[in-house]
Amino acid sequence: MSTQPGLNTAPEHPYGMNLSLGHIMNRRESMRLGLFGTAGLLCAGNVVGSATPVANAGTTPAIKAKAKSVIQIFLWGGMSHIDTWDPKPDAGYDYMGDFRKAIPTNVDGIQLGELFPNMAKQADKFSLIRSMTHRNNGHETAAYLMQTAHAPGERLAYPSVGAVFSHFKSPGYKGLIPPYVVLTQPQGRFSEEGFLGPRMKPFATGGDPNAARFEVEGVISRGITDARQLARRDLLKKMDTMGAAMAASPQIAASEEAKKQAYELILGQGRDVFDLSKEKPELRDRYGRHTFGQDCLAARRMVEAGVPYVVINYPGGWDTHSNHFSTMRRQCPQLDQGIAMLLQDLHDHGLLESTIVWCCGEFGRGPKVDWQPPWNGGRNHYGNVFTSLVAGGGFRGGHIVGSSDKRAEEVQDRPVYPVDLLGSIYALSGIDTKARLPHPMGTEAYVLPSAAEGAKSGGLLTEIM
């Protein structure tokens, strides 16, 4: 988080006591409590079953649900929009800095920043929302707003969009991999499961998919071979005299089923999903032999396996108050390569029509370059207007929604708020945006805020749905 004076207008911990809800049980504590670490805890949850969502009668969206899975690429820290997906080549050096060119795409009339030649060839597969806005310049509060659509500082700590998906999709989900996965580290900006509790917390893989061995926490561990894992299982089975004696007990039967699923995740088909060596080296090269590129490939393999919600938290982030242009030169080509190949690969596998891909940060970056010390050519937090990318799962490609003004400083037309973006994603995924969420204290809480609660809205993104 930046310490620049005057930029982060919200308090460090804007959610009061609720901020710590997700930290009551951290991952190590979860592993100790679980049957077999993370895998056992999650598999045990599948055996027991999840709470059935409570929805208001007659409020199912009229939009046809097409999406089975979602891949969210979160550019935490906030990526500059004027350097990337909303270029303004005529704005001048003080705004465009080192990147003053815009390049054409395979869709007439759509241009991208010069660092995105691969995405330019895939523009027919995605649409850009160039009028995203919420006017919040605090990392934590803006991240909370973008991933819940609820205003920060309310008395409830709402769950993120991924946790909402996990809640609604878990009852019918039969996969071995948890329904809400984060590559590779959780965001940390807020408690993503909110009041839904630890069972809806994302499974963060840890590790690095670009390493020789993708070490997934609780699934693929350093120094533990398959033979050693099998030997551990056999020893445990021999020692489990109580389980053998009480095999008819429903509780013991559920425990044994959880063990079976846990070992299938550790040693069987579940683990295979994380094994990127099963892909052709040429395909891995096309994604890029860097962490983000291989994150994208891992995400495609997960949605292919039926995982409902996958988040890629961009490694390194985009908080470019200083060293902005050098960071952009390093990271934009990787982002360009990974996203372009992900869209092409999803299309080639017949998955794009059933998989939503959305990409943005918590806000954008100040269009006017800050040349003064200590920033020396940086860009500051900017929530007035920024750009989000959406593709697949019912979103049509090759379109621009809204626009910013000539210097990308304000919305020029068709403002799009977080509630509009998330509401569109929910609607295309068959989740009722007016459904009630279960609160442990029985408090009324709903998937999205209403106008009566002060939520600003420009409407669902029906022009690209």
Protein backbone atom coordinates (compact mmCIF):
# COMPACT_ATOMS: atom_id res chain seq x y z
CA MET A 1 0.00 0.00 0.00
CA SER A 2 1.31 3.41 -0.91
CA THR A 3 2.26 5.91 1.76
CA GLN A 4 1.86 8.88 -0.55
CA PRO A 5 0.00 11.61 1.40
CA GLY A 6 -3.50 12.43 0.30
CA LEU A 7 -4.04 9.46 -2.00
CA ASN A 8 -5.55 6.87 0.30
CA THR A 9 -8.51 8.69 1.72
CA ALA A 10 -9.94 5.68 3.54
CA PRO A 11 -8.66 4.35 6.90
CA GLU A 12 -6.18 1.48 6.94
CA HIS A 13 -8.82 -0.99 8.16
CA PRO A 14 -12.18 0.38 6.99
CA TYR A 15 -14.27 -2.63 7.93
CA GLY A 16 -13.85 -2.53 11.69
CA MET A 17 -14.00 -5.83 13.56
CA ASN A 18 -15.35 -7.61 10.49
CA LEU A 19 -11.99 -7.19 8.76
CA SER A 20 -10.56 -9.99 10.89
CA LEU A 21 -13.28 -12.53 10.16
CA GLY A 22 -11.20 -14.27 7.51
CA HIS A 23 -8.13 -14.24 9.74
CA ILE A 24 -9.72 -16.18 12.60
CA MET A 25 -8.65 -19.34 10.78
CA ASN A 26 -5.56 -18.93 8.64
CA ARG A 27 -4.36 -21.52 6.15
CA ARG A 28 -2.00 -23.29 8.55
CA GLU A 29 -4.75 -23.55 11.18
CA SER A 30 -7.11 -24.86 8.51
CA MET A 31 -4.58 -27.52 7.61
CA ARG A 32 -4.21 -28.60 11.24
CA LEU A 33 -7.99 -28.84 11.64
CA GLY A 34 -8.50 -30.59 8.31
CA LEU A 35 -8.51 -34.33 7.84
CA PHE A 36 -5.56 -34.29 5.47
CA GLY A 37 -4.45 -30.67 5.46
CA THR A 38 -6.12 -28.37 2.98
CA ALA A 39 -7.29 -31.24 0.78
CA GLY A 40 -8.91 -33.05 3.68
CA LEU A 41 -10.68 -29.98 4.97
CA LEU A 42 -12.12 -29.14 1.57
CA CYS A 43 -13.05 -32.69 0.67
CA ALA A 44 -14.72 -33.14 4.03
CA GLY A 45 -16.76 -30.04 3.23
CA ASN A 46 -17.91 -31.65 -0.02
CA VAL A 47 -19.06 -34.77 1.82
CA VAL A 48 -21.05 -32.84 4.39
CA GLY A 49 -22.51 -30.48 1.77
CA SER A 50 -22.94 -26.73 1.66
CA ALA A 51 -25.78 -24.57 2.84
CA THR A 52 -28.54 -24.18 0.25
CA PRO A 53 -28.78 -20.57 -0.95
CA VAL A 54 -31.93 -18.66 -0.09
CA ALA A 55 -33.31 -16.59 -2.95
CA ASN A 56 -36.21 -14.19 -3.24
CA ALA A 57 -38.98 -15.74 -5.30
CA GLY A 58 -39.45 -14.39 -8.81
CA THR A 59 -36.18 -12.49 -9.06
CA THR A 60 -34.17 -14.77 -11.35
CA PRO A 61 -32.51 -12.64 -14.08
CA ALA A 62 -34.17 -12.81 -17.51
CA ILE A 63 -30.74 -12.97 -19.14
CA LYS A 64 -29.89 -16.46 -20.36
CA ALA A 65 -27.15 -18.02 -18.24
CA LYS A 66 -24.29 -19.23 -20.44
CA ALA A 67 -21.25 -19.23 -18.15
CA LYS A 68 -20.21 -22.33 -16.23
CA SER A 69 -16.88 -20.95 -15.00
CA VAL A 70 -15.17 -17.61 -14.43
CA ILE A 71 -11.51 -16.63 -14.67
CA GLN A 72 -10.80 -13.35 -12.94
CA ILE A 73 -7.46 -11.70 -13.64
CA PHE A 74 -6.96 -9.20 -10.85
CA LEU A 75 -4.40 -6.49 -11.58
CA TRP A 76 -3.98 -5.54 -7.94
CA GLY A 77 -2.41 -2.17 -7.33
CA GLY A 78 -4.26 -0.70 -10.30
CA MET A 79 -3.02 -0.79 -13.89
CA SER A 80 -2.77 2.43 -15.87
CA HIS A 81 -5.59 2.64 -18.41
CA ILE A 82 -4.12 5.39 -20.60
CA ASP A 83 -0.94 3.37 -21.27
CA THR A 84 -2.79 0.16 -22.05
CA TRP A 85 -6.41 -0.28 -23.15
CA ASP A 86 -7.59 3.34 -23.43
CA PRO A 87 -4.73 5.12 -25.21
CA LYS A 88 -4.94 8.84 -25.97
CA PRO A 89 -2.11 9.47 -28.47
CA ASP A 90 -3.04 13.15 -28.84
CA ALA A 91 -2.99 13.91 -25.09
CA GLY A 92 0.69 14.90 -25.10
CA TYR A 93 3.82 13.88 -23.25
CA ASP A 94 2.60 14.89 -19.77
CA TYR A 95 -0.18 12.34 -20.13
CA MET A 96 1.19 9.65 -22.40
CA GLY A 97 4.81 9.78 -21.27
CA ASP A 98 6.93 7.11 -22.96
CA PHE A 99 4.02 5.35 -24.68
CA ARG A 100 2.52 7.76 -27.19
CA LYS A 101 1.40 5.29 -29.83
CA ALA A 102 -1.86 3.44 -30.32
CA ILE A 103 -1.99 0.34 -32.51
CA PRO A 104 -4.89 -1.03 -34.58
CA THR A 105 -6.56 -4.33 -33.77
CA ASN A 106 -8.42 -6.95 -35.79
CA VAL A 107 -11.63 -5.00 -35.09
CA ASP A 108 -12.07 -1.77 -37.03
CA GLY A 109 -12.13 1.28 -34.78
CA ILE A 110 -10.60 -0.37 -31.70
CA GLN A 111 -7.05 0.59 -30.76
CA LEU A 112 -4.82 -0.54 -27.91
CA GLY A 113 -1.63 0.75 -26.39
CA GLU A 114 1.55 -0.11 -28.28
CA LEU A 115 2.60 -2.77 -25.74
CA PHE A 116 -0.31 -5.10 -26.63
CA PRO A 117 0.29 -6.49 -30.13
CA ASN A 118 -0.89 -10.02 -29.23
CA MET A 119 -4.15 -8.84 -27.73
CA ALA A 120 -4.66 -6.65 -30.81
CA LYS A 121 -4.99 -9.89 -32.80
CA GLN A 122 -7.65 -11.18 -30.39
CA ALA A 123 -9.81 -8.05 -30.08
CA ASP A 124 -12.77 -9.85 -31.66
CA LYS A 125 -12.85 -12.13 -28.60
CA PHE A 126 -13.08 -9.46 -25.86
CA SER A 127 -14.81 -6.19 -25.12
CA LEU A 128 -13.46 -3.22 -23.20
CA ILE A 129 -15.39 -1.15 -20.67
CA ARG A 130 -13.65 2.22 -20.86
CA SER A 131 -16.00 3.98 -18.46
CA MET A 132 -15.57 2.02 -15.23
CA THR A 133 -15.85 4.35 -12.26
CA HIS A 134 -16.29 4.48 -8.49
CA ARG A 135 -14.10 7.49 -7.53
CA ASN A 136 -12.45 5.62 -4.66
CA ASN A 137 -8.66 5.99 -4.42
CA GLY A 138 -7.87 3.68 -1.49
CA HIS A 139 -6.38 0.26 -2.28
CA GLU A 140 -8.34 -1.69 0.33
CA THR A 141 -11.64 0.13 -0.06
CA ALA A 142 -11.52 0.15 -3.87
CA ALA A 143 -10.61 -3.57 -3.98
CA TYR A 144 -13.52 -4.35 -1.66
CA LEU A 145 -15.85 -2.27 -3.83
CA MET A 146 -14.70 -3.87 -7.10
CA GLN A 147 -15.03 -7.42 -5.75
CA THR A 148 -18.26 -7.12 -3.76
CA ALA A 149 -20.03 -4.05 -5.27
CA HIS A 150 -20.95 -3.11 -1.69
CA ALA A 151 -19.80 0.18 -0.21
CA PRO A 152 -16.85 -0.14 2.17
CA GLY A 153 -17.42 0.88 5.76
CA GLU A 154 -20.84 -0.75 6.11
CA ARG A 155 -21.63 -2.81 9.21
CA LEU A 156 -21.26 -6.08 7.26
CA ALA A 157 -18.13 -7.48 5.62
CA TYR A 158 -19.52 -8.89 2.37
CA PRO A 159 -17.98 -11.83 0.52
CA SER A 160 -16.09 -11.38 -2.73
CA VAL A 161 -17.57 -12.46 -6.05
CA GLY A 162 -15.51 -15.67 -5.89
CA ALA A 163 -16.90 -16.58 -2.47
CA VAL A 164 -20.44 -15.87 -3.71
CA PHE A 165 -19.81 -18.24 -6.62
CA SER A 166 -18.47 -20.87 -4.24
CA HIS A 167 -21.59 -20.57 -2.10
CA PHE A 168 -24.06 -20.89 -4.94
CA LYS A 169 -22.17 -23.44 -7.05
CA SER A 170 -20.96 -25.78 -4.28
CA PRO A 171 -24.23 -27.74 -3.81
CA GLY A 172 -24.08 -29.16 -7.35
CA TYR A 173 -20.32 -29.19 -7.73
CA LYS A 174 -18.76 -32.67 -7.85
CA GLY A 175 -15.15 -31.80 -8.65
CA LEU A 176 -12.19 -32.78 -6.51
CA ILE A 177 -10.55 -29.35 -6.76
CA PRO A 178 -12.17 -26.70 -4.52
CA PRO A 179 -14.74 -24.52 -6.31
CA TYR A 180 -12.88 -21.25 -5.62
CA VAL A 181 -9.15 -21.25 -6.39
CA VAL A 182 -6.58 -18.45 -6.32
CA LEU A 183 -3.34 -18.52 -8.27
CA THR A 184 -1.12 -18.30 -6.42
CA GLN A 185 -1.49 -16.03 -3.37
CA PRO A 186 -4.67 -14.53 -1.90
CA GLN A 187 -5.16 -10.84 -2.44
CA GLY A 188 -4.87 -9.82 1.21
CA ARG A 189 -6.70 -6.53 0.69
CA PHE A 190 -9.74 -7.77 2.59
CA SER A 191 -11.26 -10.99 3.94
CA GLU A 192 -12.53 -12.47 0.69
CA GLU A 193 -15.00 -14.90 2.27
CA GLY A 194 -16.60 -12.13 4.36
CA PHE A 195 -19.41 -13.21 6.65
CA LEU A 196 -19.83 -16.50 4.73
CA GLY A 197 -16.98 -17.82 6.88
CA PRO A 198 -13.82 -19.92 6.37
CA ARG A 199 -15.51 -22.62 4.28
CA MET A 200 -15.90 -20.09 1.45
CA LYS A 201 -12.32 -18.89 1.74
CA PRO A 202 -10.42 -19.40 -1.53
CA PHE A 203 -7.96 -22.25 -1.89
CA ALA A 204 -4.66 -20.47 -2.61
CA THR A 205 -2.32 -22.79 -4.47
CA GLY A 206 0.96 -21.17 -3.45
CA GLY A 207 3.97 -22.25 -5.49
CA ASP A 208 4.92 -21.08 -8.96
CA PRO A 209 3.43 -22.74 -12.07
CA ASN A 210 6.48 -21.62 -14.03
CA ALA A 211 8.82 -23.65 -11.80
CA ALA A 212 10.04 -27.10 -12.81
CA ARG A 213 7.51 -28.53 -10.33
CA PHE A 214 4.35 -26.59 -9.50
CA GLU A 215 4.19 -27.15 -5.73
CA VAL A 216 0.53 -26.75 -4.82
CA GLU A 217 -0.09 -26.34 -1.10
CA GLY A 218 -1.57 -29.49 0.42
CA VAL A 219 -1.51 -31.30 -2.94
CA ILE A 220 2.00 -31.35 -4.44
CA SER A 221 4.72 -30.86 -1.84
CA ARG A 222 8.47 -30.53 -2.09
CA GLY A 223 10.37 -33.70 -1.23
CA ILE A 224 7.31 -35.97 -0.92
CA THR A 225 7.17 -38.50 -3.73
CA ASP A 226 4.12 -40.51 -4.75
CA ALA A 227 5.69 -43.62 -3.25
CA ARG A 228 6.18 -41.89 0.08
CA GLN A 229 2.61 -40.57 0.02
CA LEU A 230 1.27 -44.08 -0.67
CA ALA A 231 3.39 -45.50 2.16
CA ARG A 232 1.92 -42.90 4.52
CA ARG A 233 -1.60 -43.86 3.44
CA ASP A 234 -0.95 -47.57 4.00
CA LEU A 235 0.56 -46.95 7.44
CA LEU A 236 -2.39 -44.80 8.48
CA LYS A 237 -4.81 -47.46 7.31
CA LYS A 238 -3.05 -50.13 9.39
CA MET A 239 -3.12 -47.90 12.48
CA ASP A 240 -6.78 -46.93 12.12
CA THR A 241 -8.23 -49.70 14.26
CA MET A 242 -11.19 -47.58 15.41
CA GLY A 243 -12.19 -46.86 11.80
CA ALA A 244 -12.11 -50.56 10.97
CA ALA A 245 -14.16 -51.46 14.04
CA MET A 246 -16.80 -48.78 13.42
CA ALA A 247 -17.01 -48.96 9.63
CA ALA A 248 -20.82 -49.01 9.73
CA SER A 249 -21.01 -45.67 11.53
CA PRO A 250 -22.29 -42.84 9.27
CA GLN A 251 -19.67 -40.46 10.72
CA ILE A 252 -16.85 -42.93 10.06
CA ALA A 253 -18.20 -43.59 6.55
CA ALA A 254 -18.20 -39.86 5.83
CA SER A 255 -14.66 -39.61 7.17
CA GLU A 256 -13.51 -42.48 4.97
CA GLU A 257 -15.13 -40.87 1.92
CA ALA A 258 -13.29 -37.64 2.73
CA LYS A 259 -10.01 -39.56 2.95
CA LYS A 260 -10.71 -41.19 -0.40
CA GLN A 261 -11.37 -37.83 -2.04
CA ALA A 262 -8.34 -36.29 -0.39
CA TYR A 263 -6.04 -38.98 -1.77
CA GLU A 264 -7.67 -38.67 -5.18
CA LEU A 265 -6.80 -34.97 -5.06
CA ILE A 266 -3.25 -35.65 -3.86
CA LEU A 267 -2.44 -38.69 -6.01
CA GLY A 268 -5.09 -38.97 -8.71
CA GLN A 269 -7.06 -36.94 -11.23
CA GLY A 270 -7.27 -33.86 -9.02
CA ARG A 271 -3.52 -33.47 -8.92
CA ASP A 272 -3.21 -34.01 -12.67
CA VAL A 273 -4.96 -30.71 -13.29
CA PHE A 274 -2.03 -28.88 -11.68
CA ASP A 275 0.57 -30.83 -13.65
CA LEU A 276 1.41 -28.44 -16.48
CA SER A 277 4.02 -30.84 -17.84
CA LYS A 278 1.13 -32.71 -19.46
CA GLU A 279 0.79 -29.81 -21.90
CA LYS A 280 2.93 -29.60 -25.04
CA PRO A 281 6.06 -27.47 -24.55
CA GLU A 282 5.10 -25.44 -27.62
CA LEU A 283 1.79 -24.44 -26.02
CA ARG A 284 3.51 -23.49 -22.78
CA ASP A 285 5.92 -21.35 -24.79
CA ARG A 286 3.01 -19.55 -26.45
CA TYR A 287 1.56 -18.69 -23.03
CA GLY A 288 4.97 -17.39 -21.99
CA ARG A 289 7.53 -19.03 -19.74
CA HIS A 290 6.83 -16.62 -16.92
CA THR A 291 4.63 -16.94 -13.85
CA PHE A 292 1.66 -15.04 -15.26
CA GLY A 293 1.64 -16.95 -18.54
CA GLN A 294 1.69 -20.28 -16.74
CA ASP A 295 -0.98 -19.01 -14.31
CA CYS A 296 -3.19 -18.50 -17.35
CA LEU A 297 -2.51 -22.03 -18.60
CA ALA A 298 -3.26 -23.47 -15.15
CA ALA A 299 -6.52 -21.49 -15.08
CA ARG A 300 -7.57 -22.96 -18.44
CA ARG A 301 -6.87 -26.48 -17.15
CA MET A 302 -8.98 -25.79 -14.06
CA VAL A 303 -12.04 -24.55 -15.92
CA GLU A 304 -11.62 -27.50 -18.27
CA ALA A 305 -11.92 -29.66 -15.13
CA GLY A 306 -15.09 -27.77 -14.16
CA VAL A 307 -13.82 -25.46 -11.42
CA PRO A 308 -16.41 -22.65 -11.12
CA TYR A 309 -14.20 -19.71 -10.10
CA VAL A 310 -10.48 -19.12 -10.61
CA VAL A 311 -8.62 -15.93 -9.70
CA ILE A 312 -5.19 -15.01 -11.03
CA ASN A 313 -3.66 -12.39 -8.76
CA TYR A 314 -1.08 -10.79 -11.01
CA PRO A 315 2.39 -11.53 -9.55
CA GLY A 316 4.16 -8.33 -8.60
CA GLY A 317 1.17 -6.02 -8.89
CA TRP A 318 0.71 -2.65 -10.62
CA ASP A 319 1.23 -0.09 -7.84
CA THR A 320 3.41 2.17 -9.99
CA HIS A 321 3.78 5.45 -8.13
CA SER A 322 7.43 5.30 -9.12
CA ASN A 323 9.32 3.30 -11.75
CA HIS A 324 6.08 3.35 -13.69
CA PHE A 325 7.38 3.18 -17.25
CA SER A 326 10.03 0.56 -16.53
CA THR A 327 7.40 -1.60 -14.80
CA MET A 328 5.08 -1.22 -17.76
CA ARG A 329 7.83 -2.24 -20.19
CA ARG A 330 8.44 -5.39 -18.15
CA GLN A 331 4.90 -6.44 -17.24
CA CYS A 332 2.69 -5.36 -20.14
CA PRO A 333 4.29 -7.78 -22.64
CA GLN A 334 3.69 -10.64 -20.20
CA LEU A 335 0.09 -9.56 -19.62
CA ASP A 336 -0.39 -9.19 -23.38
CA GLN A 337 1.00 -12.65 -24.11
CA GLY A 338 -0.87 -14.44 -21.32
CA ILE A 339 -4.33 -12.97 -21.92
CA ALA A 340 -4.13 -13.28 -25.70
CA MET A 341 -3.13 -16.93 -25.49
CA LEU A 342 -5.71 -17.70 -22.80
CA LEU A 343 -8.52 -16.39 -25.00
CA GLN A 344 -7.24 -18.27 -28.03
CA ASP A 345 -6.75 -21.49 -26.07
CA LEU A 346 -10.19 -21.32 -24.45
CA HIS A 347 -11.62 -20.80 -27.93
CA ASP A 348 -9.64 -23.74 -29.35
CA HIS A 349 -10.88 -26.00 -26.55
CA GLY A 350 -14.50 -24.95 -27.03
CA LEU A 351 -14.56 -23.32 -23.57
CA LEU A 352 -14.80 -19.61 -24.32
CA GLU A 353 -18.58 -19.64 -24.75
CA SER A 354 -18.98 -21.12 -21.27
CA THR A 355 -16.15 -19.26 -19.49
CA ILE A 356 -16.21 -15.61 -18.49
CA VAL A 357 -12.83 -13.91 -18.41
CA TRP A 358 -12.69 -10.52 -16.73
CA CYS A 359 -9.65 -8.43 -16.01
CA CYS A 360 -9.06 -5.17 -14.16
CA GLY A 361 -7.55 -3.74 -10.99
CA GLU A 362 -9.21 -1.94 -8.11
CA PHE A 363 -8.83 1.32 -10.04
CA GLY A 364 -6.72 2.88 -12.77
CA ARG A 365 -3.73 5.21 -12.62
CA GLY A 366 -3.64 8.98 -12.85
CA PRO A 367 -3.64 10.00 -16.53
CA LYS A 368 -1.30 12.90 -15.85
CA VAL A 369 2.23 11.73 -15.11
CA ASP A 370 3.65 12.89 -11.76
CA TRP A 371 7.14 14.06 -12.69
CA GLN A 372 7.91 15.55 -9.25
CA PRO A 373 10.19 13.88 -6.66
CA PRO A 374 9.99 11.34 -5.18
CA TRP A 375 7.76 9.86 -7.91
CA ASN A 376 9.86 11.01 -10.86
CA GLY A 377 7.49 9.89 -13.57
CA GLY A 378 4.92 7.81 -11.69
CA ARG A 379 1.16 7.56 -11.79
CA ASN A 380 -1.08 7.77 -8.72
CA HIS A 381 -4.28 6.00 -7.69
CA TYR A 382 -7.25 6.87 -9.89
CA GLY A 383 -10.83 5.71 -9.47
CA ASN A 384 -12.57 8.41 -11.52
CA VAL A 385 -12.40 6.37 -14.72
CA PHE A 386 -10.54 3.22 -15.77
CA THR A 387 -10.89 0.20 -18.07
CA SER A 388 -12.03 -3.38 -17.55
CA LEU A 389 -11.88 -6.28 -20.01
CA VAL A 390 -14.64 -8.89 -20.33
CA ALA A 391 -14.81 -11.91 -22.63
CA GLY A 392 -16.64 -15.18 -23.11
CA GLY A 393 -19.47 -16.77 -21.17
CA GLY A 394 -22.12 -14.68 -22.93
CA PHE A 395 -20.15 -11.46 -23.32
CA ARG A 396 -19.75 -10.55 -26.99
CA GLY A 397 -16.30 -9.63 -28.26
CA GLY A 398 -15.14 -6.77 -30.45
CA HIS A 399 -16.98 -3.96 -28.68
CA ILE A 400 -16.25 -0.87 -26.61
CA VAL A 401 -18.60 0.11 -23.80
CA GLY A 402 -18.55 3.75 -22.73
CA SER A 403 -15.69 6.17 -23.15
CA SER A 404 -13.44 8.52 -21.22
CA ASP A 405 -12.71 12.09 -22.19
CA LYS A 406 -9.81 13.21 -24.39
CA ARG A 407 -7.27 12.80 -21.60
CA ALA A 408 -8.80 9.75 -19.89
CA GLU A 409 -9.56 11.83 -16.79
CA GLU A 410 -13.34 11.46 -16.52
CA VAL A 411 -16.19 9.37 -17.89
CA GLN A 412 -17.47 10.89 -21.10
CA ASP A 413 -20.48 8.62 -21.60
CA ARG A 414 -22.10 5.45 -20.21
CA PRO A 415 -20.67 5.23 -16.69
CA VAL A 416 -20.29 1.62 -15.51
CA TYR A 417 -20.17 0.98 -11.77
CA PRO A 418 -18.97 -2.12 -9.90
CA VAL A 419 -22.57 -3.23 -9.33
CA ASP A 420 -23.16 -3.19 -13.10
CA LEU A 421 -20.07 -5.28 -13.90
CA LEU A 422 -20.58 -7.84 -11.14
CA GLY A 423 -24.32 -7.94 -11.77
CA SER A 424 -23.68 -8.80 -15.42
CA ILE A 425 -21.24 -11.56 -14.45
CA TYR A 426 -23.72 -13.01 -11.97
CA ALA A 427 -26.59 -12.83 -14.45
CA LEU A 428 -24.64 -14.65 -17.17
CA SER A 429 -23.70 -17.29 -14.59
CA GLY A 430 -27.25 -17.93 -13.42
CA ILE A 431 -26.85 -16.31 -10.00
CA ASP A 432 -29.79 -14.23 -8.87
CA THR A 433 -28.45 -10.76 -8.11
CA LYS A 434 -31.25 -10.27 -5.57
CA ALA A 435 -30.66 -13.55 -3.78
CA ARG A 436 -30.26 -13.47 -0.03
CA LEU A 437 -26.95 -14.56 1.47
CA PRO A 438 -26.87 -16.54 4.74
CA HIS A 439 -25.50 -14.41 7.56
CA PRO A 440 -24.46 -16.25 10.75
CA MET A 441 -26.50 -13.84 12.88
CA GLY A 442 -29.55 -13.94 10.60
CA THR A 443 -28.99 -10.38 9.34
CA GLU A 444 -30.54 -9.61 5.96
CA ALA A 445 -27.81 -9.49 3.33
CA TYR A 446 -28.06 -9.80 -0.44
CA VAL A 447 -25.72 -10.59 -3.31
CA LEU A 448 -25.75 -7.01 -4.62
CA PRO A 449 -26.76 -3.71 -3.05
CA SER A 450 -29.88 -1.95 -4.27
CA ALA A 451 -30.53 1.64 -5.26
CA ALA A 452 -32.29 2.03 -1.91
CA GLU A 453 -28.91 1.32 -0.28
CA GLY A 454 -27.31 4.08 -2.29
CA ALA A 455 -25.69 1.91 -4.97
CA LYS A 456 -24.94 3.84 -8.15
CA SER A 457 -25.78 1.97 -11.33
CA GLY A 458 -25.80 2.56 -15.04
CA GLY A 459 -27.48 -0.79 -15.69
CA LEU A 460 -26.30 -4.25 -16.71
CA LEU A 461 -23.99 -4.51 -19.71
CA THR A 462 -26.79 -5.63 -22.01
CA GLU A 463 -25.12 -4.05 -25.05
CA ILE A 464 -22.47 -6.79 -24.99
CA MET A 465 -24.55 -9.66 -23.54
